[in-house]
Amino acid sequence: METTTQRGDIEDLIRSQGFIVHDLGVDVPPERFVEELQKTGAPVLTLSALITPAFVTMKEAISLLEEKGLRENTFVIIGGGVTTNFARKELGADAQTLDPTDAIRLCREYVRGAA
């Protein structure tokens, strides 16, 4: 299983659960997410926000996925202290959680369903 993610402690937890993580770091431009997904074919994109201005980049990344025809086959999950279900809806993500264990469960469910 593969996921493209931003840097953080959750990446280690995700790896420990059998996922291959493509860590892109922090303050990642939206285009970089698309490039990595095109390169790797990862079915999951995880995005994290600690401050609300990060929502702008998240929204742009999801819009670019749609523009490039990748959105339909990419499960987008957001997390981080400022994320909410309302933010998930506004950004166009598939899921939102503050619980890393829940994030892993949601990713597994998506990957199993897509197989």
PDB file of N, CA and C in Angstrom:
ATOM      1  N   MET A   1       0.839  -1.162   0.000  1.00  0.00           N
ATOM      2  CA  MET A   1       0.000   0.000   0.000  1.00  0.00           C
ATOM      3  C   MET A   1       0.889   1.232   0.000  1.00  0.00           C
ATOM      4  N   GLU A   2       0.489   2.249  -0.731  1.00  0.00           N
ATOM      5  CA  GLU A   2       1.296   3.457  -0.817  1.00  0.00           C
ATOM      6  C   GLU A   2       0.481   4.672  -0.424  1.00  0.00           C
ATOM      7  N   THR A   3       1.156   5.631   0.155  1.00  0.00           N
ATOM      8  CA  THR A   3       0.539   6.901   0.498  1.00  0.00           C
ATOM      9  C   THR A   3       1.554   8.012   0.266  1.00  0.00           C
ATOM     10  N   THR A   4       1.085   9.131  -0.190  1.00  0.00           N
ATOM     11  CA  THR A   4       1.920  10.323  -0.305  1.00  0.00           C
ATOM     12  C   THR A   4       1.494  11.232   0.829  1.00  0.00           C
ATOM     13  N   THR A   5       2.444  11.722   1.584  1.00  0.00           N
ATOM     14  CA  THR A   5       2.115  12.453   2.800  1.00  0.00           C
ATOM     15  C   THR A   5       3.054  13.618   3.027  1.00  0.00           C
ATOM     16  N   GLN A   6       2.679  14.460   3.964  1.00  0.00           N
ATOM     17  CA  GLN A   6       3.560  15.509   4.436  1.00  0.00           C
ATOM     18  C   GLN A   6       4.273  14.986   5.678  1.00  0.00           C
ATOM     19  N   ARG A   7       5.424  15.573   5.985  1.00  0.00           N
ATOM     20  CA  ARG A   7       6.247  15.144   7.120  1.00  0.00           C
ATOM     21  C   ARG A   7       5.488  15.235   8.436  1.00  0.00           C
ATOM     22  N   GLY A   8       5.759  14.279   9.323  1.00  0.00           N
ATOM     23  CA  GLY A   8       5.158  14.291  10.647  1.00  0.00           C
ATOM     24  C   GLY A   8       5.293  12.934  11.302  1.00  0.00           C
ATOM     25  N   ASP A   9       4.959  12.870  12.581  1.00  0.00           N
ATOM     26  CA  ASP A   9       5.074  11.627  13.326  1.00  0.00           C
ATOM     27  C   ASP A   9       4.195  10.521  12.763  1.00  0.00           C
ATOM     28  N   ILE A  10       3.071  10.904  12.175  1.00  0.00           N
ATOM     29  CA  ILE A  10       2.154   9.896  11.665  1.00  0.00           C
ATOM     30  C   ILE A  10       2.788   9.056  10.559  1.00  0.00           C
ATOM     31  N   GLU A  11       3.767   9.626   9.839  1.00  0.00           N
ATOM     32  CA  GLU A  11       4.393   8.866   8.762  1.00  0.00           C
ATOM     33  C   GLU A  11       5.040   7.595   9.289  1.00  0.00           C
ATOM     34  N   ASP A  12       5.657   7.654  10.473  1.00  0.00           N
ATOM     35  CA  ASP A  12       6.271   6.463  11.061  1.00  0.00           C
ATOM     36  C   ASP A  12       5.210   5.436  11.430  1.00  0.00           C
ATOM     37  N   LEU A  13       4.101   5.903  11.964  1.00  0.00           N
ATOM     38  CA  LEU A  13       3.012   5.003  12.316  1.00  0.00           C
ATOM     39  C   LEU A  13       2.439   4.350  11.063  1.00  0.00           C
ATOM     40  N   ILE A  14       2.267   5.128  10.016  1.00  0.00           N
ATOM     41  CA  ILE A  14       1.737   4.583   8.759  1.00  0.00           C
ATOM     42  C   ILE A  14       2.692   3.526   8.208  1.00  0.00           C
ATOM     43  N   ARG A  15       3.980   3.808   8.212  1.00  0.00           N
ATOM     44  CA  ARG A  15       4.975   2.823   7.748  1.00  0.00           C
ATOM     45  C   ARG A  15       4.905   1.541   8.558  1.00  0.00           C
ATOM     46  N   SER A  16       4.744   1.693   9.862  1.00  0.00           N
ATOM     47  CA  SER A  16       4.716   0.510  10.732  1.00  0.00           C
ATOM     48  C   SER A  16       3.518  -0.382  10.438  1.00  0.00           C
ATOM     49  N   GLN A  17       2.539   0.145   9.726  1.00  0.00           N
ATOM     50  CA  GLN A  17       1.343  -0.615   9.381  1.00  0.00           C
ATOM     51  C   GLN A  17       1.397  -1.178   7.964  1.00  0.00           C
ATOM     52  N   GLY A  18       2.577  -1.126   7.351  1.00  0.00           N
ATOM     53  CA  GLY A  18       2.765  -1.755   6.051  1.00  0.00           C
ATOM     54  C   GLY A  18       2.604  -0.852   4.850  1.00  0.00           C
ATOM     55  N   PHE A  19       2.397   0.426   5.057  1.00  0.00           N
ATOM     56  CA  PHE A  19       2.276   1.355   3.946  1.00  0.00           C
ATOM     57  C   PHE A  19       3.651   1.829   3.502  1.00  0.00           C
ATOM     58  N   ILE A  20       3.807   2.084   2.228  1.00  0.00           N
ATOM     59  CA  ILE A  20       4.983   2.765   1.697  1.00  0.00           C
ATOM     60  C   ILE A  20       4.641   4.243   1.713  1.00  0.00           C
ATOM     61  N   VAL A  21       5.479   5.048   2.355  1.00  0.00           N
ATOM     62  CA  VAL A  21       5.205   6.475   2.506  1.00  0.00           C
ATOM     63  C   VAL A  21       6.165   7.284   1.646  1.00  0.00           C
ATOM     64  N   HIS A  22       5.634   8.157   0.840  1.00  0.00           N
ATOM     65  CA  HIS A  22       6.430   9.089   0.045  1.00  0.00           C
ATOM     66  C   HIS A  22       6.337  10.437   0.755  1.00  0.00           C
ATOM     67  N   ASP A  23       7.304  10.714   1.612  1.00  0.00           N
ATOM     68  CA  ASP A  23       7.289  11.910   2.445  1.00  0.00           C
ATOM     69  C   ASP A  23       7.765  13.112   1.643  1.00  0.00           C
ATOM     70  N   LEU A  24       6.903  14.094   1.482  1.00  0.00           N
ATOM     71  CA  LEU A  24       7.232  15.268   0.690  1.00  0.00           C
ATOM     72  C   LEU A  24       7.692  16.455   1.527  1.00  0.00           C
ATOM     73  N   GLY A  25       7.661  16.335   2.839  1.00  0.00           N
ATOM     74  CA  GLY A  25       8.139  17.413   3.682  1.00  0.00           C
ATOM     75  C   GLY A  25       7.043  18.376   4.091  1.00  0.00           C
ATOM     76  N   VAL A  26       7.445  19.589   4.433  1.00  0.00           N
ATOM     77  CA  VAL A  26       6.495  20.614   4.887  1.00  0.00           C
ATOM     78  C   VAL A  26       6.448  21.760   3.881  1.00  0.00           C
ATOM     79  N   ASP A  27       5.383  22.533   3.930  1.00  0.00           N
ATOM     80  CA  ASP A  27       5.195  23.662   3.013  1.00  0.00           C
ATOM     81  C   ASP A  27       5.382  23.238   1.558  1.00  0.00           C
ATOM     82  N   VAL A  28       4.675  22.199   1.188  1.00  0.00           N
ATOM     83  CA  VAL A  28       4.795  21.598  -0.136  1.00  0.00           C
ATOM     84  C   VAL A  28       3.880  22.311  -1.127  1.00  0.00           C
ATOM     85  N   PRO A  29       4.414  22.733  -2.276  1.00  0.00           N
ATOM     86  CA  PRO A  29       3.546  23.356  -3.283  1.00  0.00           C
ATOM     87  C   PRO A  29       2.552  22.325  -3.837  1.00  0.00           C
ATOM     88  N   PRO A  30       1.343  22.739  -4.150  1.00  0.00           N
ATOM     89  CA  PRO A  30       0.317  21.817  -4.646  1.00  0.00           C
ATOM     90  C   PRO A  30       0.778  20.972  -5.831  1.00  0.00           C
ATOM     91  N   GLU A  31       1.544  21.564  -6.725  1.00  0.00           N
ATOM     92  CA  GLU A  31       2.007  20.843  -7.921  1.00  0.00           C
ATOM     93  C   GLU A  31       2.883  19.648  -7.552  1.00  0.00           C
ATOM     94  N   ARG A  32       3.587  19.749  -6.440  1.00  0.00           N
ATOM     95  CA  ARG A  32       4.488  18.667  -6.017  1.00  0.00           C
ATOM     96  C   ARG A  32       3.694  17.419  -5.652  1.00  0.00           C
ATOM     97  N   PHE A  33       2.530  17.586  -5.044  1.00  0.00           N
ATOM     98  CA  PHE A  33       1.690  16.433  -4.718  1.00  0.00           C
ATOM     99  C   PHE A  33       1.277  15.709  -5.997  1.00  0.00           C
ATOM    100  N   VAL A  34       0.860  16.467  -6.983  1.00  0.00           N
ATOM    101  CA  VAL A  34       0.426  15.888  -8.250  1.00  0.00           C
ATOM    102  C   VAL A  34       1.586  15.161  -8.923  1.00  0.00           C
ATOM    103  N   GLU A  35       2.748  15.785  -8.955  1.00  0.00           N
ATOM    104  CA  GLU A  35       3.932  15.146  -9.554  1.00  0.00           C
ATOM    105  C   GLU A  35       4.226  13.809  -8.890  1.00  0.00           C
ATOM    106  N   GLU A  36       4.190  13.776  -7.569  1.00  0.00           N
ATOM    107  CA  GLU A  36       4.511  12.547  -6.839  1.00  0.00           C
ATOM    108  C   GLU A  36       3.455  11.470  -7.075  1.00  0.00           C
ATOM    109  N   LEU A  37       2.201  11.862  -7.104  1.00  0.00           N
ATOM    110  CA  LEU A  37       1.147  10.882  -7.367  1.00  0.00           C
ATOM    111  C   LEU A  37       1.253  10.331  -8.789  1.00  0.00           C
ATOM    112  N   GLN A  38       1.592  11.178  -9.743  1.00  0.00           N
ATOM    113  CA  GLN A  38       1.783  10.707 -11.117  1.00  0.00           C
ATOM    114  C   GLN A  38       2.970   9.748 -11.200  1.00  0.00           C
ATOM    115  N   LYS A  39       4.020  10.051 -10.461  1.00  0.00           N
ATOM    116  CA  LYS A  39       5.232   9.230 -10.481  1.00  0.00           C
ATOM    117  C   LYS A  39       5.022   7.884  -9.790  1.00  0.00           C
ATOM    118  N   THR A  40       4.353   7.890  -8.651  1.00  0.00           N
ATOM    119  CA  THR A  40       4.254   6.678  -7.837  1.00  0.00           C
ATOM    120  C   THR A  40       2.969   5.880  -8.033  1.00  0.00           C
ATOM    121  N   GLY A  41       1.906   6.553  -8.433  1.00  0.00           N
ATOM    122  CA  GLY A  41       0.615   5.886  -8.536  1.00  0.00           C
ATOM    123  C   GLY A  41      -0.002   5.579  -7.181  1.00  0.00           C
ATOM    124  N   ALA A  42       0.475   6.235  -6.138  1.00  0.00           N
ATOM    125  CA  ALA A  42      -0.065   6.010  -4.790  1.00  0.00           C
ATOM    126  C   ALA A  42      -1.570   6.306  -4.776  1.00  0.00           C
ATOM    127  N   PRO A  43      -2.371   5.436  -4.159  1.00  0.00           N
ATOM    128  CA  PRO A  43      -3.821   5.640  -4.138  1.00  0.00           C
ATOM    129  C   PRO A  43      -4.321   6.569  -3.033  1.00  0.00           C
ATOM    130  N   VAL A  44      -3.415   6.972  -2.123  1.00  0.00           N
ATOM    131  CA  VAL A  44      -3.816   7.790  -0.978  1.00  0.00           C
ATOM    132  C   VAL A  44      -2.940   9.026  -0.890  1.00  0.00           C
ATOM    133  N   LEU A  45      -3.566  10.159  -0.624  1.00  0.00           N
ATOM    134  CA  LEU A  45      -2.853  11.395  -0.350  1.00  0.00           C
ATOM    135  C   LEU A  45      -3.281  11.869   1.029  1.00  0.00           C
ATOM    136  N   THR A  46      -2.319  11.988   1.941  1.00  0.00           N
ATOM    137  CA  THR A  46      -2.622  12.510   3.268  1.00  0.00           C
ATOM    138  C   THR A  46      -2.066  13.920   3.381  1.00  0.00           C
ATOM    139  N   LEU A  47      -2.867  14.811   3.929  1.00  0.00           N
ATOM    140  CA  LEU A  47      -2.474  16.206   4.094  1.00  0.00           C
ATOM    141  C   LEU A  47      -2.721  16.607   5.540  1.00  0.00           C
ATOM    142  N   SER A  48      -1.786  17.358   6.101  1.00  0.00           N
ATOM    143  CA  SER A  48      -1.899  17.764   7.484  1.00  0.00           C
ATOM    144  C   SER A  48      -1.794  19.283   7.592  1.00  0.00           C
ATOM    145  N   ALA A  49      -2.578  19.849   8.499  1.00  0.00           N
ATOM    146  CA  ALA A  49      -2.552  21.300   8.719  1.00  0.00           C
ATOM    147  C   ALA A  49      -2.531  21.599  10.209  1.00  0.00           C
ATOM    148  N   LEU A  50      -1.614  22.465  10.594  1.00  0.00           N
ATOM    149  CA  LEU A  50      -1.569  22.938  11.969  1.00  0.00           C
ATOM    150  C   LEU A  50      -2.088  24.362  12.090  1.00  0.00           C
ATOM    151  N   ILE A  51      -2.164  25.058  10.945  1.00  0.00           N
ATOM    152  CA  ILE A  51      -2.723  26.410  10.905  1.00  0.00           C
ATOM    153  C   ILE A  51      -3.653  26.514   9.699  1.00  0.00           C
ATOM    154  N   THR A  52      -4.689  27.304   9.829  1.00  0.00           N
ATOM    155  CA  THR A  52      -5.702  27.371   8.771  1.00  0.00           C
ATOM    156  C   THR A  52      -5.191  27.880   7.425  1.00  0.00           C
ATOM    157  N   PRO A  53      -4.149  28.719   7.339  1.00  0.00           N
ATOM    158  CA  PRO A  53      -3.673  29.111   6.012  1.00  0.00           C
ATOM    159  C   PRO A  53      -3.234  27.922   5.144  1.00  0.00           C
ATOM    160  N   ALA A  54      -2.927  26.797   5.758  1.00  0.00           N
ATOM    161  CA  ALA A  54      -2.559  25.603   4.993  1.00  0.00           C
ATOM    162  C   ALA A  54      -3.731  25.085   4.167  1.00  0.00           C
ATOM    163  N   PHE A  55      -4.954  25.468   4.533  1.00  0.00           N
ATOM    164  CA  PHE A  55      -6.126  25.033   3.777  1.00  0.00           C
ATOM    165  C   PHE A  55      -6.061  25.497   2.325  1.00  0.00           C
ATOM    166  N   VAL A  56      -5.440  26.636   2.079  1.00  0.00           N
ATOM    167  CA  VAL A  56      -5.340  27.153   0.714  1.00  0.00           C
ATOM    168  C   VAL A  56      -4.568  26.162  -0.158  1.00  0.00           C
ATOM    169  N   THR A  57      -3.427  25.699   0.338  1.00  0.00           N
ATOM    170  CA  THR A  57      -2.617  24.737  -0.408  1.00  0.00           C
ATOM    171  C   THR A  57      -3.348  23.412  -0.564  1.00  0.00           C
ATOM    172  N   MET A  58      -4.023  22.976   0.479  1.00  0.00           N
ATOM    173  CA  MET A  58      -4.783  21.723   0.410  1.00  0.00           C
ATOM    174  C   MET A  58      -5.838  21.802  -0.689  1.00  0.00           C
ATOM    175  N   LYS A  59      -6.585  22.893  -0.708  1.00  0.00           N
ATOM    176  CA  LYS A  59      -7.641  23.087  -1.709  1.00  0.00           C
ATOM    177  C   LYS A  59      -7.041  23.108  -3.116  1.00  0.00           C
ATOM    178  N   GLU A  60      -5.914  23.802  -3.276  1.00  0.00           N
ATOM    179  CA  GLU A  60      -5.254  23.853  -4.582  1.00  0.00           C
ATOM    180  C   GLU A  60      -4.762  22.469  -5.006  1.00  0.00           C
ATOM    181  N   ALA A  61      -4.224  21.705  -4.078  1.00  0.00           N
ATOM    182  CA  ALA A  61      -3.743  20.359  -4.406  1.00  0.00           C
ATOM    183  C   ALA A  61      -4.896  19.472  -4.876  1.00  0.00           C
ATOM    184  N   ILE A  62      -6.017  19.529  -4.168  1.00  0.00           N
ATOM    185  CA  ILE A  62      -7.177  18.712  -4.543  1.00  0.00           C
ATOM    186  C   ILE A  62      -7.738  19.168  -5.888  1.00  0.00           C
ATOM    187  N   SER A  63      -7.774  20.463  -6.128  1.00  0.00           N
ATOM    188  CA  SER A  63      -8.236  20.986  -7.426  1.00  0.00           C
ATOM    189  C   SER A  63      -7.322  20.525  -8.556  1.00  0.00           C
ATOM    190  N   LEU A  64      -6.022  20.529  -8.316  1.00  0.00           N
ATOM    191  CA  LEU A  64      -5.071  20.054  -9.336  1.00  0.00           C
ATOM    192  C   LEU A  64      -5.245  18.570  -9.620  1.00  0.00           C
ATOM    193  N   LEU A  65      -5.558  17.792  -8.592  1.00  0.00           N
ATOM    194  CA  LEU A  65      -5.825  16.362  -8.807  1.00  0.00           C
ATOM    195  C   LEU A  65      -6.997  16.203  -9.765  1.00  0.00           C
ATOM    196  N   GLU A  66      -8.032  17.013  -9.571  1.00  0.00           N
ATOM    197  CA  GLU A  66      -9.203  16.965 -10.453  1.00  0.00           C
ATOM    198  C   GLU A  66      -8.809  17.370 -11.873  1.00  0.00           C
ATOM    199  N   GLU A  67      -8.057  18.450 -11.968  1.00  0.00           N
ATOM    200  CA  GLU A  67      -7.622  18.977 -13.265  1.00  0.00           C
ATOM    201  C   GLU A  67      -6.808  17.952 -14.063  1.00  0.00           C
ATOM    202  N   LYS A  68      -5.978  17.199 -13.363  1.00  0.00           N
ATOM    203  CA  LYS A  68      -5.076  16.231 -14.008  1.00  0.00           C
ATOM    204  C   LYS A  68      -5.699  14.844 -14.145  1.00  0.00           C
ATOM    205  N   GLY A  69      -6.963  14.692 -13.739  1.00  0.00           N
ATOM    206  CA  GLY A  69      -7.646  13.418 -13.868  1.00  0.00           C
ATOM    207  C   GLY A  69      -7.213  12.376 -12.848  1.00  0.00           C
ATOM    208  N   LEU A  70      -6.652  12.808 -11.731  1.00  0.00           N
ATOM    209  CA  LEU A  70      -6.175  11.873 -10.702  1.00  0.00           C
ATOM    210  C   LEU A  70      -7.118  11.764  -9.512  1.00  0.00           C
ATOM    211  N   ARG A  71      -8.046  12.674  -9.398  1.00  0.00           N
ATOM    212  CA  ARG A  71      -8.876  12.737  -8.192  1.00  0.00           C
ATOM    213  C   ARG A  71      -9.727  11.493  -7.990  1.00  0.00           C
ATOM    214  N   GLU A  72     -10.298  10.983  -9.061  1.00  0.00           N
ATOM    215  CA  GLU A  72     -11.198   9.839  -8.944  1.00  0.00           C
ATOM    216  C   GLU A  72     -10.532   8.625  -8.312  1.00  0.00           C
ATOM    217  N   ASN A  73      -9.231   8.449  -8.553  1.00  0.00           N
ATOM    218  CA  ASN A  73      -8.515   7.282  -8.044  1.00  0.00           C
ATOM    219  C   ASN A  73      -7.573   7.613  -6.892  1.00  0.00           C
ATOM    220  N   THR A  74      -7.793   8.747  -6.236  1.00  0.00           N
ATOM    221  CA  THR A  74      -6.952   9.144  -5.108  1.00  0.00           C
ATOM    222  C   THR A  74      -7.830   9.443  -3.897  1.00  0.00           C
ATOM    223  N   PHE A  75      -7.597   8.700  -2.827  1.00  0.00           N
ATOM    224  CA  PHE A  75      -8.284   8.929  -1.556  1.00  0.00           C
ATOM    225  C   PHE A  75      -7.532  10.024  -0.828  1.00  0.00           C
ATOM    226  N   VAL A  76      -8.203  11.140  -0.559  1.00  0.00           N
ATOM    227  CA  VAL A  76      -7.570  12.276   0.111  1.00  0.00           C
ATOM    228  C   VAL A  76      -8.086  12.350   1.538  1.00  0.00           C
ATOM    229  N   ILE A  77      -7.156  12.265   2.478  1.00  0.00           N
ATOM    230  CA  ILE A  77      -7.507  12.342   3.893  1.00  0.00           C
ATOM    231  C   ILE A  77      -6.730  13.490   4.527  1.00  0.00           C
ATOM    232  N   ILE A  78      -7.432  14.293   5.315  1.00  0.00           N
ATOM    233  CA  ILE A  78      -6.776  15.418   5.977  1.00  0.00           C
ATOM    234  C   ILE A  78      -6.779  15.201   7.486  1.00  0.00           C
ATOM    235  N   GLY A  79      -5.801  15.798   8.127  1.00  0.00           N
ATOM    236  CA  GLY A  79      -5.694  15.740   9.575  1.00  0.00           C
ATOM    237  C   GLY A  79      -4.899  16.929  10.062  1.00  0.00           C
ATOM    238  N   GLY A  80      -4.693  16.970  11.345  1.00  0.00           N
ATOM    239  CA  GLY A  80      -3.995  18.092  11.952  1.00  0.00           C
ATOM    240  C   GLY A  80      -4.947  18.877  12.815  1.00  0.00           C
ATOM    241  N   GLY A  81      -4.388  19.558  13.785  1.00  0.00           N
ATOM    242  CA  GLY A  81      -5.166  20.221  14.830  1.00  0.00           C
ATOM    243  C   GLY A  81      -6.269  21.141  14.388  1.00  0.00           C
ATOM    244  N   VAL A  82      -6.153  21.770  13.242  1.00  0.00           N
ATOM    245  CA  VAL A  82      -7.188  22.730  12.825  1.00  0.00           C
ATOM    246  C   VAL A  82      -8.213  22.133  11.867  1.00  0.00           C
ATOM    247  N   THR A  83      -8.063  20.873  11.507  1.00  0.00           N
ATOM    248  CA  THR A  83      -9.007  20.286  10.558  1.00  0.00           C
ATOM    249  C   THR A  83     -10.285  19.837  11.261  1.00  0.00           C
ATOM    250  N   THR A  84     -11.361  19.931  10.517  1.00  0.00           N
ATOM    251  CA  THR A  84     -12.681  19.529  11.000  1.00  0.00           C
ATOM    252  C   THR A  84     -13.418  18.867   9.843  1.00  0.00           C
ATOM    253  N   ASN A  85     -14.555  18.270  10.138  1.00  0.00           N
ATOM    254  CA  ASN A  85     -15.363  17.699   9.074  1.00  0.00           C
ATOM    255  C   ASN A  85     -15.869  18.798   8.137  1.00  0.00           C
ATOM    256  N   PHE A  86     -16.155  19.971   8.675  1.00  0.00           N
ATOM    257  CA  PHE A  86     -16.558  21.100   7.834  1.00  0.00           C
ATOM    258  C   PHE A  86     -15.440  21.455   6.855  1.00  0.00           C
ATOM    259  N   ALA A  87     -14.196  21.521   7.346  1.00  0.00           N
ATOM    260  CA  ALA A  87     -13.049  21.814   6.475  1.00  0.00           C
ATOM    261  C   ALA A  87     -12.924  20.740   5.404  1.00  0.00           C
ATOM    262  N   ARG A  88     -13.124  19.484   5.781  1.00  0.00           N
ATOM    263  CA  ARG A  88     -13.049  18.380   4.812  1.00  0.00           C
ATOM    264  C   ARG A  88     -14.016  18.626   3.663  1.00  0.00           C
ATOM    265  N   LYS A  89     -15.238  18.975   3.993  1.00  0.00           N
ATOM    266  CA  LYS A  89     -16.245  19.221   2.962  1.00  0.00           C
ATOM    267  C   LYS A  89     -15.859  20.400   2.079  1.00  0.00           C
ATOM    268  N   GLU A  90     -15.412  21.481   2.697  1.00  0.00           N
ATOM    269  CA  GLU A  90     -15.044  22.686   1.954  1.00  0.00           C
ATOM    270  C   GLU A  90     -13.842  22.446   1.031  1.00  0.00           C
ATOM    271  N   LEU A  91     -12.894  21.629   1.486  1.00  0.00           N
ATOM    272  CA  LEU A  91     -11.684  21.372   0.708  1.00  0.00           C
ATOM    273  C   LEU A  91     -11.905  20.310  -0.367  1.00  0.00           C
ATOM    274  N   GLY A  92     -12.912  19.463  -0.173  1.00  0.00           N
ATOM    275  CA  GLY A  92     -13.170  18.395  -1.135  1.00  0.00           C
ATOM    276  C   GLY A  92     -12.400  17.122  -0.829  1.00  0.00           C
ATOM    277  N   ALA A  93     -11.971  16.950   0.415  1.00  0.00           N
ATOM    278  CA  ALA A  93     -11.274  15.722   0.816  1.00  0.00           C
ATOM    279  C   ALA A  93     -12.296  14.615   1.065  1.00  0.00           C
ATOM    280  N   ASP A  94     -11.808  13.388   1.084  1.00  0.00           N
ATOM    281  CA  ASP A  94     -12.682  12.241   1.311  1.00  0.00           C
ATOM    282  C   ASP A  94     -12.909  11.951   2.787  1.00  0.00           C
ATOM    283  N   ALA A  95     -11.912  12.264   3.609  1.00  0.00           N
ATOM    284  CA  ALA A  95     -12.007  11.946   5.034  1.00  0.00           C
ATOM    285  C   ALA A  95     -11.187  12.941   5.837  1.00  0.00           C
ATOM    286  N   GLN A  96     -11.522  13.019   7.123  1.00  0.00           N
ATOM    287  CA  GLN A  96     -10.801  13.875   8.068  1.00  0.00           C
ATOM    288  C   GLN A  96     -10.782  13.162   9.397  1.00  0.00           C
ATOM    289  N   THR A  97      -9.640  13.205  10.056  1.00  0.00           N
ATOM    290  CA  THR A  97      -9.543  12.658  11.403  1.00  0.00           C
ATOM    291  C   THR A  97      -8.388  13.301  12.137  1.00  0.00           C
ATOM    292  N   LEU A  98      -8.499  13.340  13.436  1.00  0.00           N
ATOM    293  CA  LEU A  98      -7.403  13.795  14.285  1.00  0.00           C
ATOM    294  C   LEU A  98      -6.701  12.608  14.925  1.00  0.00           C
ATOM    295  N   ASP A  99      -7.227  11.412  14.690  1.00  0.00           N
ATOM    296  CA  ASP A  99      -6.720  10.186  15.303  1.00  0.00           C
ATOM    297  C   ASP A  99      -5.920   9.377  14.285  1.00  0.00           C
ATOM    298  N   PRO A 100      -4.612   9.230  14.476  1.00  0.00           N
ATOM    299  CA  PRO A 100      -3.784   8.482  13.521  1.00  0.00           C
ATOM    300  C   PRO A 100      -4.255   7.052  13.298  1.00  0.00           C
ATOM    301  N   THR A 101      -4.741   6.407  14.348  1.00  0.00           N
ATOM    302  CA  THR A 101      -5.233   5.036  14.203  1.00  0.00           C
ATOM    303  C   THR A 101      -6.451   5.001  13.288  1.00  0.00           C
ATOM    304  N   ASP A 102      -7.308   5.977  13.426  1.00  0.00           N
ATOM    305  CA  ASP A 102      -8.480   6.090  12.565  1.00  0.00           C
ATOM    306  C   ASP A 102      -8.051   6.361  11.122  1.00  0.00           C
ATOM    307  N   ALA A 103      -7.026   7.193  10.945  1.00  0.00           N
ATOM    308  CA  ALA A 103      -6.516   7.486   9.597  1.00  0.00           C
ATOM    309  C   ALA A 103      -6.043   6.211   8.915  1.00  0.00           C
ATOM    310  N   ILE A 104      -5.333   5.385   9.639  1.00  0.00           N
ATOM    311  CA  ILE A 104      -4.845   4.125   9.072  1.00  0.00           C
ATOM    312  C   ILE A 104      -6.019   3.221   8.703  1.00  0.00           C
ATOM    313  N   ARG A 105      -7.011   3.148   9.579  1.00  0.00           N
ATOM    314  CA  ARG A 105      -8.198   2.335   9.292  1.00  0.00           C
ATOM    315  C   ARG A 105      -8.888   2.823   8.028  1.00  0.00           C
ATOM    316  N   LEU A 106      -9.069   4.123   7.906  1.00  0.00           N
ATOM    317  CA  LEU A 106      -9.730   4.690   6.727  1.00  0.00           C
ATOM    318  C   LEU A 106      -8.935   4.408   5.448  1.00  0.00           C
ATOM    319  N   CYS A 107      -7.631   4.536   5.524  1.00  0.00           N
ATOM    320  CA  CYS A 107      -6.785   4.257   4.353  1.00  0.00           C
ATOM    321  C   CYS A 107      -6.866   2.786   3.959  1.00  0.00           C
ATOM    322  N   ARG A 108      -6.802   1.900   4.943  1.00  0.00           N
ATOM    323  CA  ARG A 108      -6.915   0.457   4.659  1.00  0.00           C
ATOM    324  C   ARG A 108      -8.248   0.127   3.998  1.00  0.00           C
ATOM    325  N   GLU A 109      -9.326   0.694   4.538  1.00  0.00           N
ATOM    326  CA  GLU A 109     -10.653   0.446   3.967  1.00  0.00           C
ATOM    327  C   GLU A 109     -10.709   0.896   2.518  1.00  0.00           C
ATOM    328  N   TYR A 110     -10.149   2.061   2.243  1.00  0.00           N
ATOM    329  CA  TYR A 110     -10.152   2.553   0.864  1.00  0.00           C
ATOM    330  C   TYR A 110      -9.352   1.633  -0.052  1.00  0.00           C
ATOM    331  N   VAL A 111      -8.147   1.280   0.370  1.00  0.00           N
ATOM    332  CA  VAL A 111      -7.274   0.440  -0.462  1.00  0.00           C
ATOM    333  C   VAL A 111      -7.921  -0.934  -0.691  1.00  0.00           C
ATOM    334  N   ARG A 112      -8.503  -1.503   0.326  1.00  0.00           N
ATOM    335  CA  ARG A 112      -9.182  -2.815   0.174  1.00  0.00           C
ATOM    336  C   ARG A 112     -10.365  -2.708  -0.782  1.00  0.00           C
ATOM    337  N   GLY A 113     -11.110  -1.626  -0.686  1.00  0.00           N
ATOM    338  CA  GLY A 113     -12.271  -1.427  -1.561  1.00  0.00           C
ATOM    339  C   GLY A 113     -11.896  -1.146  -2.987  1.00  0.00           C
ATOM    340  N   ALA A 114     -10.722  -0.531  -3.199  1.00  0.00           N
ATOM    341  CA  ALA A 114     -10.263  -0.170  -4.547  1.00  0.00           C
ATOM    342  C   ALA A 114      -9.629  -1.360  -5.254  1.00  0.00           C
ATOM    343  N   ALA A 115      -9.276  -2.375  -4.493  1.00  0.00           N
ATOM    344  CA  ALA A 115      -8.573  -3.530  -5.085  1.00  0.00           C
ATOM    345  C   ALA A 115      -9.497  -4.424  -5.862  1.00  0.00           C
TER     346      ALA A 115
END
